[in-house]
Amino acid sequence: MGERATPVAADWNGDNKKDLLAGSMDGSIRVFINEGTDSEPVMKPPYILKAGGRDFNIGSRSAPRVYDWNGDGLEDILVGEMEGYVYFLKNTGTHSRPVFERAGKLMLRDGNVIQYSAKDYYARSRVFITDWNNDGYNDLLLGGQDGRVILYESAPAPSYSPVAIAHRIWNHLKETSIAFKRYLRTLAGNILNKL
């Protein structure tokens, strides 16, 4: 796995045996399928999880959790990462053959993105899902680099108020702008290195 392995056990292919998914420093998630038993596991060589037909990579310090987040009976993935965001990969396949089209940041009802706030860039979000307040909805516990745990209680439905929608659009534009600026800096650095 290299550095910073973050494993989680789950029956990934529906054969009632524990498999492993593991995040790592490089931002990818590797899947290890168990061909043995739970008491004597034999893992096949890993493959990298795909989203949208390409190798999934979140940038750095991927930390997956396998959970049926949207209650459709299929195992989805929530992923923490270096900057403190939580990404949601919805399973559009089956229980025995999971398929993921894309990853999107989890949002609050008011349109803001969920992010573990830290004093520096390296928030390192880590996710745990449970019904914390026993109301029948999945809540999110988010840990991070400085040792705090933040509770996000689930809202049963998204808000469609004009303010929340405008907030979502603005946050999406802001995130796109930040990503584009990073790309330009990387591109400029690569060009300068070649000169």
N, C-alpha and C. Protein backbone atom coordinates (compact mmCIF):
# COMPACT_ATOMS: atom_id res chain seq x y z
N MET A 1 0.81 -1.22 0.00
CA MET A 1 0.00 0.00 0.00
C MET A 1 0.84 1.26 0.00
N GLY A 2 2.10 1.17 0.35
CA GLY A 2 2.88 2.38 0.52
C GLY A 2 2.56 3.01 1.86
N GLU A 3 2.65 4.34 1.95
CA GLU A 3 2.47 5.03 3.23
C GLU A 3 1.00 5.29 3.54
N ARG A 4 0.72 5.43 4.86
CA ARG A 4 -0.58 5.90 5.37
C ARG A 4 -1.75 5.03 4.94
N ALA A 5 -1.61 3.72 5.00
CA ALA A 5 -2.70 2.81 4.64
C ALA A 5 -3.87 2.99 5.60
N THR A 6 -5.08 3.07 5.05
CA THR A 6 -6.30 3.21 5.86
C THR A 6 -7.29 2.12 5.42
N PRO A 7 -7.17 0.92 5.99
CA PRO A 7 -8.02 -0.20 5.56
C PRO A 7 -9.39 -0.20 6.21
N VAL A 8 -10.34 -0.79 5.50
CA VAL A 8 -11.68 -1.04 6.04
C VAL A 8 -12.15 -2.38 5.49
N ALA A 9 -12.75 -3.20 6.35
CA ALA A 9 -13.25 -4.51 5.95
C ALA A 9 -14.71 -4.41 5.53
N ALA A 10 -15.07 -5.08 4.44
CA ALA A 10 -16.45 -5.10 3.96
C ALA A 10 -16.62 -6.26 2.99
N ASP A 11 -17.83 -6.79 2.92
CA ASP A 11 -18.14 -7.80 1.90
C ASP A 11 -18.35 -7.06 0.59
N TRP A 12 -17.28 -6.90 -0.17
CA TRP A 12 -17.31 -6.04 -1.34
C TRP A 12 -18.01 -6.65 -2.54
N ASN A 13 -17.95 -7.98 -2.69
CA ASN A 13 -18.50 -8.61 -3.89
C ASN A 13 -19.69 -9.53 -3.60
N GLY A 14 -20.30 -9.41 -2.42
CA GLY A 14 -21.54 -10.13 -2.13
C GLY A 14 -21.40 -11.62 -1.93
N ASP A 15 -20.21 -12.10 -1.58
CA ASP A 15 -20.03 -13.54 -1.37
C ASP A 15 -19.99 -13.92 0.11
N ASN A 16 -20.40 -12.98 0.97
CA ASN A 16 -20.46 -13.20 2.43
C ASN A 16 -19.09 -13.45 3.07
N LYS A 17 -18.03 -12.91 2.46
CA LYS A 17 -16.70 -12.97 3.04
C LYS A 17 -16.14 -11.56 3.14
N LYS A 18 -15.34 -11.32 4.18
CA LYS A 18 -14.76 -9.99 4.37
C LYS A 18 -13.63 -9.75 3.39
N ASP A 19 -13.78 -8.69 2.60
CA ASP A 19 -12.74 -8.21 1.71
C ASP A 19 -12.14 -6.95 2.35
N LEU A 20 -11.13 -6.38 1.71
CA LEU A 20 -10.52 -5.15 2.23
C LEU A 20 -10.51 -4.07 1.16
N LEU A 21 -10.83 -2.85 1.58
CA LEU A 21 -10.57 -1.66 0.78
C LEU A 21 -9.57 -0.85 1.58
N ALA A 22 -8.60 -0.27 0.91
CA ALA A 22 -7.58 0.49 1.63
C ALA A 22 -7.20 1.75 0.89
N GLY A 23 -7.31 2.87 1.59
CA GLY A 23 -6.82 4.13 1.06
C GLY A 23 -5.33 4.26 1.34
N SER A 24 -4.72 5.30 0.80
CA SER A 24 -3.28 5.45 0.99
C SER A 24 -2.86 6.89 0.77
N MET A 25 -1.59 7.15 1.01
CA MET A 25 -1.01 8.47 0.84
C MET A 25 -1.17 8.98 -0.60
N ASP A 26 -1.14 8.07 -1.57
CA ASP A 26 -1.20 8.49 -2.97
C ASP A 26 -2.60 8.88 -3.44
N GLY A 27 -3.63 8.72 -2.57
CA GLY A 27 -4.97 9.16 -2.90
C GLY A 27 -5.86 8.14 -3.57
N SER A 28 -5.31 6.98 -3.91
CA SER A 28 -6.13 5.94 -4.55
C SER A 28 -6.76 5.04 -3.48
N ILE A 29 -7.65 4.15 -3.93
CA ILE A 29 -8.23 3.13 -3.04
C ILE A 29 -8.03 1.79 -3.72
N ARG A 30 -7.41 0.87 -3.00
CA ARG A 30 -7.17 -0.47 -3.54
C ARG A 30 -8.15 -1.45 -2.93
N VAL A 31 -8.61 -2.39 -3.77
CA VAL A 31 -9.58 -3.40 -3.35
C VAL A 31 -8.89 -4.76 -3.34
N PHE A 32 -8.97 -5.42 -2.18
CA PHE A 32 -8.41 -6.76 -2.01
C PHE A 32 -9.58 -7.73 -1.82
N ILE A 33 -9.79 -8.65 -2.77
CA ILE A 33 -10.88 -9.62 -2.69
C ILE A 33 -10.40 -10.88 -1.98
N ASN A 34 -11.17 -11.33 -1.00
CA ASN A 34 -10.85 -12.51 -0.21
C ASN A 34 -11.34 -13.77 -0.93
N GLU A 35 -10.40 -14.62 -1.33
CA GLU A 35 -10.75 -15.89 -1.96
C GLU A 35 -10.72 -17.04 -0.97
N GLY A 36 -10.34 -16.74 0.28
CA GLY A 36 -10.32 -17.77 1.32
C GLY A 36 -11.60 -17.71 2.12
N THR A 37 -11.45 -17.72 3.43
CA THR A 37 -12.58 -17.60 4.35
C THR A 37 -12.30 -16.44 5.30
N ASP A 38 -13.29 -16.11 6.13
CA ASP A 38 -13.05 -15.05 7.11
C ASP A 38 -12.01 -15.47 8.14
N SER A 39 -12.01 -16.75 8.51
CA SER A 39 -11.04 -17.21 9.52
C SER A 39 -9.66 -17.46 8.91
N GLU A 40 -9.61 -17.75 7.61
CA GLU A 40 -8.34 -17.94 6.91
C GLU A 40 -8.39 -17.20 5.57
N PRO A 41 -8.27 -15.87 5.62
CA PRO A 41 -8.38 -15.09 4.38
C PRO A 41 -7.20 -15.31 3.43
N VAL A 42 -7.50 -15.33 2.16
CA VAL A 42 -6.49 -15.38 1.10
C VAL A 42 -6.86 -14.27 0.12
N MET A 43 -6.06 -13.23 0.09
CA MET A 43 -6.39 -12.05 -0.72
C MET A 43 -5.79 -12.12 -2.11
N LYS A 44 -6.64 -11.84 -3.10
CA LYS A 44 -6.15 -11.71 -4.48
C LYS A 44 -5.31 -10.44 -4.57
N PRO A 45 -4.44 -10.34 -5.56
CA PRO A 45 -3.72 -9.08 -5.76
C PRO A 45 -4.72 -7.93 -5.92
N PRO A 46 -4.42 -6.77 -5.38
CA PRO A 46 -5.40 -5.68 -5.39
C PRO A 46 -5.56 -5.04 -6.76
N TYR A 47 -6.72 -4.41 -6.92
CA TYR A 47 -6.94 -3.54 -8.07
C TYR A 47 -7.35 -2.17 -7.55
N ILE A 48 -7.15 -1.14 -8.36
CA ILE A 48 -7.50 0.21 -7.95
C ILE A 48 -8.97 0.47 -8.28
N LEU A 49 -9.69 0.99 -7.31
CA LEU A 49 -11.10 1.33 -7.48
C LEU A 49 -11.25 2.34 -8.61
N LYS A 50 -12.29 2.17 -9.40
CA LYS A 50 -12.54 3.08 -10.52
C LYS A 50 -13.80 3.89 -10.27
N ALA A 51 -13.83 5.11 -10.81
CA ALA A 51 -15.01 5.96 -10.82
C ALA A 51 -15.08 6.62 -12.19
N GLY A 52 -16.21 6.49 -12.83
CA GLY A 52 -16.34 7.04 -14.18
C GLY A 52 -15.43 6.36 -15.18
N GLY A 53 -15.10 5.09 -14.93
CA GLY A 53 -14.26 4.33 -15.86
C GLY A 53 -12.77 4.57 -15.73
N ARG A 54 -12.37 5.45 -14.79
CA ARG A 54 -10.95 5.74 -14.59
C ARG A 54 -10.54 5.42 -13.17
N ASP A 55 -9.24 5.22 -12.94
CA ASP A 55 -8.75 5.00 -11.58
C ASP A 55 -9.15 6.17 -10.71
N PHE A 56 -9.79 5.85 -9.58
CA PHE A 56 -10.20 6.89 -8.65
C PHE A 56 -8.98 7.38 -7.87
N ASN A 57 -8.85 8.70 -7.77
CA ASN A 57 -7.79 9.27 -6.97
C ASN A 57 -8.26 10.59 -6.39
N ILE A 58 -8.19 10.71 -5.08
CA ILE A 58 -8.70 11.89 -4.39
C ILE A 58 -7.62 12.92 -4.12
N GLY A 59 -6.39 12.63 -4.51
CA GLY A 59 -5.29 13.58 -4.33
C GLY A 59 -4.27 13.10 -3.32
N SER A 60 -4.70 12.93 -2.07
CA SER A 60 -3.76 12.47 -1.04
C SER A 60 -4.53 12.01 0.19
N ARG A 61 -3.99 11.00 0.85
CA ARG A 61 -4.52 10.47 2.12
C ARG A 61 -5.98 10.04 2.03
N SER A 62 -6.29 9.21 1.06
CA SER A 62 -7.66 8.69 0.94
C SER A 62 -7.96 7.79 2.14
N ALA A 63 -9.15 7.96 2.71
CA ALA A 63 -9.57 7.19 3.89
C ALA A 63 -11.02 6.75 3.68
N PRO A 64 -11.24 5.57 3.05
CA PRO A 64 -12.60 5.16 2.70
C PRO A 64 -13.36 4.53 3.86
N ARG A 65 -14.68 4.64 3.76
CA ARG A 65 -15.62 3.90 4.60
C ARG A 65 -16.68 3.35 3.68
N VAL A 66 -17.02 2.08 3.83
CA VAL A 66 -18.03 1.44 3.01
C VAL A 66 -19.34 1.45 3.79
N TYR A 67 -20.39 2.01 3.17
CA TYR A 67 -21.66 2.15 3.89
C TYR A 67 -22.76 2.45 2.87
N ASP A 68 -23.95 1.92 3.10
CA ASP A 68 -25.10 2.22 2.26
C ASP A 68 -25.64 3.58 2.68
N TRP A 69 -25.02 4.64 2.16
CA TRP A 69 -25.31 6.00 2.61
C TRP A 69 -26.71 6.46 2.22
N ASN A 70 -27.18 6.07 1.03
CA ASN A 70 -28.48 6.57 0.56
C ASN A 70 -29.62 5.57 0.76
N GLY A 71 -29.37 4.46 1.45
CA GLY A 71 -30.42 3.52 1.82
C GLY A 71 -31.04 2.75 0.67
N ASP A 72 -30.29 2.54 -0.43
CA ASP A 72 -30.86 1.80 -1.56
C ASP A 72 -30.45 0.33 -1.58
N GLY A 73 -29.80 -0.12 -0.50
CA GLY A 73 -29.40 -1.52 -0.40
C GLY A 73 -28.05 -1.84 -1.03
N LEU A 74 -27.37 -0.86 -1.58
CA LEU A 74 -26.06 -1.06 -2.21
C LEU A 74 -24.99 -0.35 -1.40
N GLU A 75 -23.82 -0.96 -1.35
CA GLU A 75 -22.70 -0.39 -0.60
C GLU A 75 -22.09 0.79 -1.36
N ASP A 76 -22.15 1.96 -0.76
CA ASP A 76 -21.52 3.16 -1.30
C ASP A 76 -20.18 3.36 -0.59
N ILE A 77 -19.47 4.40 -0.96
CA ILE A 77 -18.20 4.72 -0.30
C ILE A 77 -18.20 6.20 0.07
N LEU A 78 -17.81 6.49 1.30
CA LEU A 78 -17.51 7.85 1.74
C LEU A 78 -16.01 7.91 1.95
N VAL A 79 -15.37 8.98 1.50
CA VAL A 79 -13.91 9.07 1.56
C VAL A 79 -13.47 10.39 2.19
N GLY A 80 -12.67 10.31 3.24
CA GLY A 80 -11.99 11.48 3.78
C GLY A 80 -10.68 11.68 3.04
N GLU A 81 -10.10 12.88 3.18
CA GLU A 81 -8.86 13.16 2.43
C GLU A 81 -8.09 14.31 3.06
N MET A 82 -6.98 14.67 2.45
CA MET A 82 -6.02 15.63 3.00
C MET A 82 -6.63 16.98 3.37
N GLU A 83 -7.46 17.56 2.51
CA GLU A 83 -7.99 18.90 2.74
C GLU A 83 -9.19 18.93 3.68
N GLY A 84 -9.66 17.75 4.14
CA GLY A 84 -10.74 17.71 5.12
C GLY A 84 -12.12 17.51 4.55
N TYR A 85 -12.26 17.42 3.22
CA TYR A 85 -13.57 17.19 2.62
C TYR A 85 -13.98 15.73 2.78
N VAL A 86 -15.27 15.47 2.54
CA VAL A 86 -15.78 14.10 2.51
C VAL A 86 -16.42 13.91 1.14
N TYR A 87 -15.95 12.91 0.41
CA TYR A 87 -16.48 12.61 -0.91
C TYR A 87 -17.41 11.41 -0.84
N PHE A 88 -18.47 11.46 -1.67
CA PHE A 88 -19.47 10.40 -1.74
C PHE A 88 -19.39 9.75 -3.10
N LEU A 89 -19.19 8.42 -3.11
CA LEU A 89 -19.23 7.64 -4.34
C LEU A 89 -20.45 6.74 -4.27
N LYS A 90 -21.45 7.06 -5.08
CA LYS A 90 -22.70 6.30 -5.10
C LYS A 90 -22.54 5.07 -5.96
N ASN A 91 -22.93 3.92 -5.41
CA ASN A 91 -22.89 2.66 -6.14
C ASN A 91 -24.09 2.60 -7.08
N THR A 92 -23.83 2.62 -8.38
CA THR A 92 -24.90 2.51 -9.38
C THR A 92 -24.93 1.12 -10.01
N GLY A 93 -24.09 0.22 -9.48
CA GLY A 93 -24.05 -1.15 -9.98
C GLY A 93 -24.92 -2.07 -9.14
N THR A 94 -24.34 -3.16 -8.69
CA THR A 94 -25.04 -4.13 -7.84
C THR A 94 -24.19 -4.41 -6.61
N HIS A 95 -24.72 -5.25 -5.71
CA HIS A 95 -23.93 -5.59 -4.53
C HIS A 95 -22.71 -6.44 -4.90
N SER A 96 -22.86 -7.33 -5.90
CA SER A 96 -21.74 -8.18 -6.29
C SER A 96 -20.80 -7.52 -7.28
N ARG A 97 -21.28 -6.46 -7.97
CA ARG A 97 -20.44 -5.72 -8.93
C ARG A 97 -20.68 -4.22 -8.76
N PRO A 98 -20.04 -3.62 -7.75
CA PRO A 98 -20.23 -2.18 -7.53
C PRO A 98 -19.67 -1.37 -8.70
N VAL A 99 -20.39 -0.30 -9.05
CA VAL A 99 -19.96 0.61 -10.12
C VAL A 99 -20.16 2.03 -9.60
N PHE A 100 -19.19 2.90 -9.89
CA PHE A 100 -19.24 4.28 -9.44
C PHE A 100 -19.02 5.19 -10.64
N GLU A 101 -19.94 6.13 -10.85
CA GLU A 101 -19.84 7.05 -11.99
C GLU A 101 -18.90 8.20 -11.68
N ARG A 102 -19.02 8.76 -10.46
CA ARG A 102 -18.20 9.92 -10.11
C ARG A 102 -18.19 10.07 -8.60
N ALA A 103 -17.33 10.96 -8.13
CA ALA A 103 -17.29 11.29 -6.70
C ALA A 103 -17.68 12.75 -6.55
N GLY A 104 -18.50 13.03 -5.55
CA GLY A 104 -18.90 14.41 -5.27
C GLY A 104 -18.74 14.71 -3.80
N LYS A 105 -18.48 15.97 -3.48
CA LYS A 105 -18.34 16.36 -2.08
C LYS A 105 -19.69 16.34 -1.38
N LEU A 106 -19.71 15.85 -0.15
CA LEU A 106 -20.93 15.88 0.64
C LEU A 106 -21.24 17.33 1.01
N MET A 107 -22.54 17.66 0.97
CA MET A 107 -22.98 19.02 1.23
C MET A 107 -23.87 19.07 2.47
N LEU A 108 -23.84 20.20 3.14
CA LEU A 108 -24.80 20.47 4.20
C LEU A 108 -26.12 20.93 3.57
N ARG A 109 -27.16 20.90 4.37
CA ARG A 109 -28.47 21.29 3.87
C ARG A 109 -28.50 22.74 3.37
N ASP A 110 -27.67 23.60 3.96
CA ASP A 110 -27.65 25.00 3.55
C ASP A 110 -26.83 25.26 2.29
N GLY A 111 -26.27 24.20 1.71
CA GLY A 111 -25.51 24.35 0.47
C GLY A 111 -24.01 24.42 0.65
N ASN A 112 -23.53 24.53 1.88
CA ASN A 112 -22.08 24.52 2.13
C ASN A 112 -21.55 23.10 2.08
N VAL A 113 -20.29 22.96 1.69
CA VAL A 113 -19.67 21.63 1.69
C VAL A 113 -19.26 21.24 3.11
N ILE A 114 -19.29 19.95 3.37
CA ILE A 114 -18.80 19.44 4.65
C ILE A 114 -17.28 19.40 4.57
N GLN A 115 -16.64 19.99 5.56
CA GLN A 115 -15.18 19.98 5.61
C GLN A 115 -14.72 20.05 7.05
N TYR A 116 -13.77 19.19 7.38
CA TYR A 116 -13.15 19.26 8.70
C TYR A 116 -12.25 20.48 8.71
N SER A 117 -12.62 21.45 9.53
CA SER A 117 -11.85 22.69 9.55
C SER A 117 -10.61 22.53 10.43
N ALA A 118 -9.50 22.93 9.90
CA ALA A 118 -8.24 22.87 10.63
C ALA A 118 -7.48 24.16 10.37
N LYS A 119 -6.49 24.44 11.21
CA LYS A 119 -5.75 25.70 11.09
C LYS A 119 -4.82 25.71 9.88
N ASP A 120 -4.47 24.55 9.41
CA ASP A 120 -3.62 24.52 8.21
C ASP A 120 -4.31 23.71 7.12
N TYR A 121 -3.65 23.55 6.02
CA TYR A 121 -4.15 22.87 4.82
C TYR A 121 -4.38 21.39 5.06
N TYR A 122 -3.68 20.81 6.03
CA TYR A 122 -3.66 19.36 6.19
C TYR A 122 -4.67 18.89 7.23
N ALA A 123 -5.96 18.97 6.93
CA ALA A 123 -7.01 18.62 7.88
C ALA A 123 -7.11 17.11 8.08
N ARG A 124 -6.93 16.34 7.02
CA ARG A 124 -6.92 14.87 7.07
C ARG A 124 -8.22 14.29 7.64
N SER A 125 -9.31 14.51 6.97
CA SER A 125 -10.61 14.04 7.45
C SER A 125 -10.70 12.51 7.47
N ARG A 126 -11.33 12.01 8.54
CA ARG A 126 -11.59 10.58 8.71
C ARG A 126 -13.05 10.43 9.09
N VAL A 127 -13.76 9.52 8.42
CA VAL A 127 -15.21 9.43 8.50
C VAL A 127 -15.66 8.21 9.30
N PHE A 128 -16.74 8.40 10.09
CA PHE A 128 -17.44 7.29 10.74
C PHE A 128 -18.93 7.58 10.64
N ILE A 129 -19.71 6.56 10.28
CA ILE A 129 -21.15 6.73 10.09
C ILE A 129 -21.90 5.92 11.14
N THR A 130 -22.88 6.57 11.78
CA THR A 130 -23.73 5.89 12.75
C THR A 130 -24.99 6.72 12.97
N ASP A 131 -26.03 6.10 13.49
CA ASP A 131 -27.22 6.85 13.88
C ASP A 131 -26.98 7.35 15.31
N TRP A 132 -26.29 8.48 15.41
CA TRP A 132 -25.81 8.98 16.70
C TRP A 132 -26.95 9.32 17.67
N ASN A 133 -28.03 9.89 17.16
CA ASN A 133 -29.12 10.36 18.03
C ASN A 133 -30.37 9.49 17.97
N ASN A 134 -30.24 8.29 17.40
CA ASN A 134 -31.33 7.30 17.36
C ASN A 134 -32.62 7.84 16.73
N ASP A 135 -32.47 8.62 15.64
CA ASP A 135 -33.67 9.12 14.96
C ASP A 135 -33.95 8.39 13.66
N GLY A 136 -33.18 7.33 13.37
CA GLY A 136 -33.39 6.54 12.17
C GLY A 136 -32.63 7.02 10.95
N TYR A 137 -31.82 8.08 11.09
CA TYR A 137 -31.05 8.62 9.97
C TYR A 137 -29.55 8.49 10.25
N ASN A 138 -28.77 8.30 9.17
CA ASN A 138 -27.32 8.20 9.29
C ASN A 138 -26.71 9.56 9.63
N ASP A 139 -25.95 9.61 10.71
CA ASP A 139 -25.21 10.81 11.07
C ASP A 139 -23.74 10.59 10.74
N LEU A 140 -23.00 11.67 10.69
CA LEU A 140 -21.60 11.62 10.28
C LEU A 140 -20.72 12.15 11.41
N LEU A 141 -19.75 11.34 11.83
CA LEU A 141 -18.72 11.79 12.75
C LEU A 141 -17.46 11.98 11.93
N LEU A 142 -16.84 13.15 12.08
CA LEU A 142 -15.68 13.48 11.27
C LEU A 142 -14.52 13.85 12.17
N GLY A 143 -13.46 13.05 12.11
CA GLY A 143 -12.24 13.32 12.86
C GLY A 143 -11.20 13.92 11.94
N GLY A 144 -10.12 14.44 12.55
CA GLY A 144 -9.09 15.04 11.72
C GLY A 144 -7.78 15.20 12.43
N GLN A 145 -6.89 15.94 11.79
CA GLN A 145 -5.48 16.06 12.17
C GLN A 145 -5.29 16.58 13.58
N ASP A 146 -6.13 17.50 14.04
CA ASP A 146 -5.89 18.10 15.35
C ASP A 146 -6.62 17.40 16.50
N GLY A 147 -7.25 16.25 16.21
CA GLY A 147 -7.81 15.42 17.28
C GLY A 147 -9.25 15.68 17.67
N ARG A 148 -9.90 16.68 17.06
CA ARG A 148 -11.30 16.92 17.37
C ARG A 148 -12.19 15.93 16.61
N VAL A 149 -13.43 15.76 17.11
CA VAL A 149 -14.44 14.98 16.40
C VAL A 149 -15.65 15.90 16.21
N ILE A 150 -16.10 16.04 14.97
CA ILE A 150 -17.22 16.91 14.65
C ILE A 150 -18.41 16.04 14.28
N LEU A 151 -19.58 16.33 14.87
CA LEU A 151 -20.80 15.59 14.58
C LEU A 151 -21.64 16.38 13.59
N TYR A 152 -22.03 15.73 12.49
CA TYR A 152 -22.98 16.29 11.54
C TYR A 152 -24.23 15.43 11.61
N GLU A 153 -25.32 15.98 12.18
CA GLU A 153 -26.57 15.24 12.26
C GLU A 153 -27.26 15.28 10.91
N SER A 154 -27.87 14.16 10.56
CA SER A 154 -28.50 14.03 9.25
C SER A 154 -29.79 14.84 9.17
N ALA A 155 -30.00 15.45 8.00
CA ALA A 155 -31.28 16.11 7.70
C ALA A 155 -32.03 15.17 6.75
N PRO A 156 -33.31 14.92 7.01
CA PRO A 156 -34.04 13.93 6.21
C PRO A 156 -34.14 14.25 4.73
N ALA A 157 -34.11 15.52 4.35
CA ALA A 157 -34.25 15.87 2.93
C ALA A 157 -33.46 17.14 2.65
N PRO A 158 -32.99 17.31 1.40
CA PRO A 158 -32.26 18.54 1.07
C PRO A 158 -33.17 19.76 1.08
N SER A 159 -32.59 20.90 1.30
CA SER A 159 -33.34 22.15 1.28
C SER A 159 -33.35 22.70 -0.15
N TYR A 160 -34.52 23.11 -0.59
CA TYR A 160 -34.64 23.67 -1.94
C TYR A 160 -34.95 25.17 -1.90
N SER A 161 -34.62 25.82 -0.78
CA SER A 161 -34.86 27.26 -0.70
C SER A 161 -33.91 27.97 -1.66
N PRO A 162 -34.33 29.14 -2.19
CA PRO A 162 -33.46 29.90 -3.11
C PRO A 162 -32.09 30.20 -2.51
N VAL A 163 -32.05 30.49 -1.21
CA VAL A 163 -30.77 30.79 -0.56
C VAL A 163 -29.85 29.58 -0.59
N ALA A 164 -30.39 28.39 -0.25
CA ALA A 164 -29.57 27.17 -0.24
C ALA A 164 -29.10 26.82 -1.65
N ILE A 165 -29.99 26.97 -2.64
CA ILE A 165 -29.61 26.67 -4.01
C ILE A 165 -28.51 27.63 -4.49
N ALA A 166 -28.67 28.90 -4.19
CA ALA A 166 -27.64 29.88 -4.56
C ALA A 166 -26.32 29.56 -3.88
N HIS A 167 -26.38 29.15 -2.61
CA HIS A 167 -25.18 28.76 -1.87
C HIS A 167 -24.49 27.59 -2.56
N ARG A 168 -25.26 26.57 -2.97
CA ARG A 168 -24.69 25.40 -3.64
C ARG A 168 -23.98 25.80 -4.93
N ILE A 169 -24.66 26.64 -5.72
CA ILE A 169 -24.08 27.08 -7.00
C ILE A 169 -22.79 27.86 -6.75
N TRP A 170 -22.82 28.79 -5.80
CA TRP A 170 -21.63 29.60 -5.49
C TRP A 170 -20.48 28.71 -5.03
N ASN A 171 -20.77 27.74 -4.13
CA ASN A 171 -19.72 26.85 -3.64
C ASN A 171 -19.13 26.01 -4.75
N HIS A 172 -19.99 25.56 -5.68
CA HIS A 172 -19.49 24.78 -6.81
C HIS A 172 -18.56 25.63 -7.68
N LEU A 173 -18.97 26.86 -7.96
CA LEU A 173 -18.12 27.76 -8.76
C LEU A 173 -16.80 28.06 -8.05
N LYS A 174 -16.88 28.27 -6.74
CA LYS A 174 -15.67 28.57 -5.96
C LYS A 174 -14.72 27.37 -5.99
N GLU A 175 -15.25 26.15 -5.79
CA GLU A 175 -14.42 24.94 -5.81
C GLU A 175 -13.78 24.75 -7.18
N THR A 176 -14.56 25.00 -8.24
CA THR A 176 -14.03 24.87 -9.61
C THR A 176 -12.91 25.87 -9.84
N SER A 177 -13.09 27.09 -9.36
CA SER A 177 -12.07 28.13 -9.52
C SER A 177 -10.78 27.75 -8.79
N ILE A 178 -10.92 27.24 -7.56
CA ILE A 178 -9.74 26.84 -6.78
C ILE A 178 -9.00 25.71 -7.49
N ALA A 179 -9.76 24.71 -7.99
CA ALA A 179 -9.13 23.59 -8.69
C ALA A 179 -8.42 24.07 -9.96
N PHE A 180 -9.04 25.01 -10.68
CA PHE A 180 -8.44 25.53 -11.91
C PHE A 180 -7.15 26.29 -11.60
N LYS A 181 -7.15 27.07 -10.52
CA LYS A 181 -5.94 27.80 -10.12
C LYS A 181 -4.80 26.84 -9.77
N ARG A 182 -5.14 25.74 -9.06
CA ARG A 182 -4.12 24.74 -8.74
C ARG A 182 -3.55 24.12 -10.01
N TYR A 183 -4.44 23.83 -10.96
CA TYR A 183 -4.00 23.26 -12.22
C TYR A 183 -3.05 24.20 -12.94
N LEU A 184 -3.40 25.50 -13.00
CA LEU A 184 -2.54 26.47 -13.66
C LEU A 184 -1.18 26.59 -12.98
N ARG A 185 -1.17 26.57 -11.63
CA ARG A 185 0.11 26.64 -10.91
C ARG A 185 0.97 25.42 -11.23
N THR A 186 0.34 24.24 -11.25
CA THR A 186 1.08 23.01 -11.56
C THR A 186 1.62 23.06 -12.98
N LEU A 187 0.77 23.52 -13.91
CA LEU A 187 1.18 23.61 -15.32
C LEU A 187 2.34 24.59 -15.47
N ALA A 188 2.24 25.75 -14.82
CA ALA A 188 3.33 26.74 -14.89
C ALA A 188 4.62 26.18 -14.30
N GLY A 189 4.50 25.45 -13.18
CA GLY A 189 5.68 24.84 -12.57
C GLY A 189 6.33 23.82 -13.48
N ASN A 190 5.51 23.01 -14.16
CA ASN A 190 6.04 22.01 -15.12
C ASN A 190 6.74 22.67 -16.29
N ILE A 191 6.17 23.78 -16.79
CA ILE A 191 6.79 24.48 -17.91
C ILE A 191 8.13 25.08 -17.48
N LEU A 192 8.16 25.70 -16.29
CA LEU A 192 9.41 26.29 -15.80
C LEU A 192 10.48 25.23 -15.58
N ASN A 193 10.06 24.04 -15.11
CA ASN A 193 11.04 22.97 -14.89
C ASN A 193 11.66 22.48 -16.19
N LYS A 194 10.90 22.59 -17.31
CA LYS A 194 11.42 22.14 -18.59
C LYS A 194 12.35 23.16 -19.24
N LEU A 195 12.27 24.43 -18.77
CA LEU A 195 13.10 25.49 -19.39
C LEU A 195 14.53 25.43 -18.94
